[in-house]
Amino acid sequence: PEDVVEPRHNEEFELKVYREATESTMTGYIDKIDILSLNDQPTTIKNVVVNRGNCRVISLYDYQNIRYGSVALAYPRCNAAHIREVAISTAHGTYTYKIR
């Protein structure tokens, strides 16, 4: 009997890390991470880890069943200029992105 090999599910995302001016905070700005899905099949983000866990993500929005072109929004607890790595976990694996 032949071994059945399950197809690997590779997912892809595009990230935008930035600081945005806002009047809703005392500092006058808020740091954000946009996670754009480049996947045809819907996917759900289970976790976002910033700087190998050294920067906590305080909120994650619109992360369920996102399709190609949909954006999930994460709010990190650190300065966007200091973010160097973001790891995105889904049911199919963890994908790590370097930020320059």
Protein backbone atom coordinates (compact mmCIF):
# COMPACT_ATOMS: atom_id res chain seq x y z
CA PRO A 1 0.00 0.00 0.00
CA GLU A 2 1.17 3.51 -0.84
CA ASP A 3 1.46 6.18 1.81
CA VAL A 4 -1.09 8.93 1.41
CA VAL A 5 0.54 12.34 1.58
CA GLU A 6 -1.69 15.19 2.68
CA PRO A 7 -1.22 18.35 0.61
CA ARG A 8 0.69 21.03 2.48
CA HIS A 9 -1.24 24.17 3.11
CA ASN A 10 1.00 27.20 2.65
CA GLU A 11 -0.56 30.48 3.58
CA GLU A 12 0.74 33.92 2.76
CA PHE A 13 0.22 37.32 4.32
CA GLU A 14 1.47 40.83 3.69
CA LEU A 15 2.21 43.04 6.69
CA LYS A 16 2.16 46.76 7.26
CA VAL A 17 3.56 48.00 10.58
CA TYR A 18 2.97 51.68 11.31
CA ARG A 19 2.12 54.45 13.77
CA GLU A 20 -1.04 56.45 13.13
CA ALA A 21 -2.11 59.79 14.56
CA THR A 22 -5.30 59.64 16.62
CA GLU A 23 -7.19 61.82 19.03
CA SER A 24 -8.54 58.83 20.97
CA THR A 25 -5.36 58.31 23.03
CA MET A 26 -3.49 60.56 25.42
CA THR A 27 -0.28 60.21 23.39
CA GLY A 28 -1.86 61.35 20.11
CA TYR A 29 -0.86 58.19 18.23
CA ILE A 30 -1.50 54.45 18.08
CA ASP A 31 0.71 51.64 16.75
CA LYS A 32 -0.86 49.11 14.37
CA ILE A 33 -0.10 46.00 12.33
CA ASP A 34 -2.24 45.36 9.24
CA ILE A 35 -2.22 41.68 8.22
CA LEU A 36 -3.41 41.36 4.62
CA SER A 37 -4.45 37.86 3.54
CA LEU A 38 -3.10 36.64 0.20
CA ASN A 39 -4.97 33.33 0.51
CA ASP A 40 -7.81 32.25 -1.75
CA GLN A 41 -9.24 29.94 0.92
CA PRO A 42 -10.60 31.50 4.12
CA THR A 43 -8.25 31.30 7.07
CA THR A 44 -8.41 32.27 10.72
CA ILE A 45 -5.48 33.76 12.59
CA LYS A 46 -5.07 32.04 15.95
CA ASN A 47 -2.19 34.09 17.35
CA VAL A 48 0.15 36.97 16.54
CA VAL A 49 3.56 37.10 18.26
CA VAL A 50 5.64 40.27 17.93
CA ASN A 51 9.41 40.38 18.49
CA ARG A 52 9.46 36.75 19.68
CA GLY A 53 6.99 37.50 22.45
CA ASN A 54 8.83 40.57 23.76
CA CYS A 55 6.05 42.88 22.55
CA ARG A 56 2.53 41.97 23.61
CA VAL A 57 -0.41 42.27 21.20
CA ILE A 58 -3.25 43.84 23.16
CA SER A 59 -6.03 43.45 20.57
CA LEU A 60 -6.69 41.57 17.33
CA TYR A 61 -9.66 42.39 15.08
CA ASP A 62 -11.25 40.88 11.94
CA TYR A 63 -9.06 37.77 12.09
CA GLN A 64 -11.65 35.05 11.43
CA ASN A 65 -12.35 33.56 8.00
CA ILE A 66 -10.32 36.17 6.18
CA ARG A 67 -9.97 35.73 2.43
CA TYR A 68 -7.73 37.22 -0.24
CA GLY A 69 -7.57 40.99 0.22
CA SER A 70 -9.10 40.99 3.72
CA VAL A 71 -7.18 42.70 6.52
CA ALA A 72 -6.85 41.70 10.16
CA LEU A 73 -5.73 44.44 12.54
CA ALA A 74 -3.39 43.91 15.51
CA TYR A 75 -2.50 46.49 18.15
CA PRO A 76 1.01 45.93 19.57
CA ARG A 77 2.01 47.25 22.98
CA CYS A 78 5.36 48.56 21.64
CA ASN A 79 6.52 51.26 19.26
CA ALA A 80 5.94 50.25 15.62
CA ALA A 81 9.43 51.53 14.75
CA HIS A 82 10.91 48.87 17.07
CA ILE A 83 9.09 45.87 15.58
CA ARG A 84 11.48 43.53 13.76
CA GLU A 85 9.55 40.25 13.58
CA VAL A 86 5.91 39.18 13.46
CA ALA A 87 4.82 35.52 13.63
CA ILE A 88 1.28 34.67 12.52
CA SER A 89 -0.21 31.33 13.59
CA THR A 90 -3.14 29.63 11.86
CA ALA A 91 -4.49 26.07 11.90
CA HIS A 92 -2.01 25.25 9.12
CA GLY A 93 1.19 26.56 10.68
CA THR A 94 3.16 29.55 11.87
CA TYR A 95 4.54 32.06 9.39
CA THR A 96 7.30 34.44 10.49
CA TYR A 97 7.93 37.77 8.77
CA LYS A 98 10.99 39.98 9.23
CA ILE A 99 10.29 43.71 9.37
CA ARG A 100 12.96 46.14 8.18
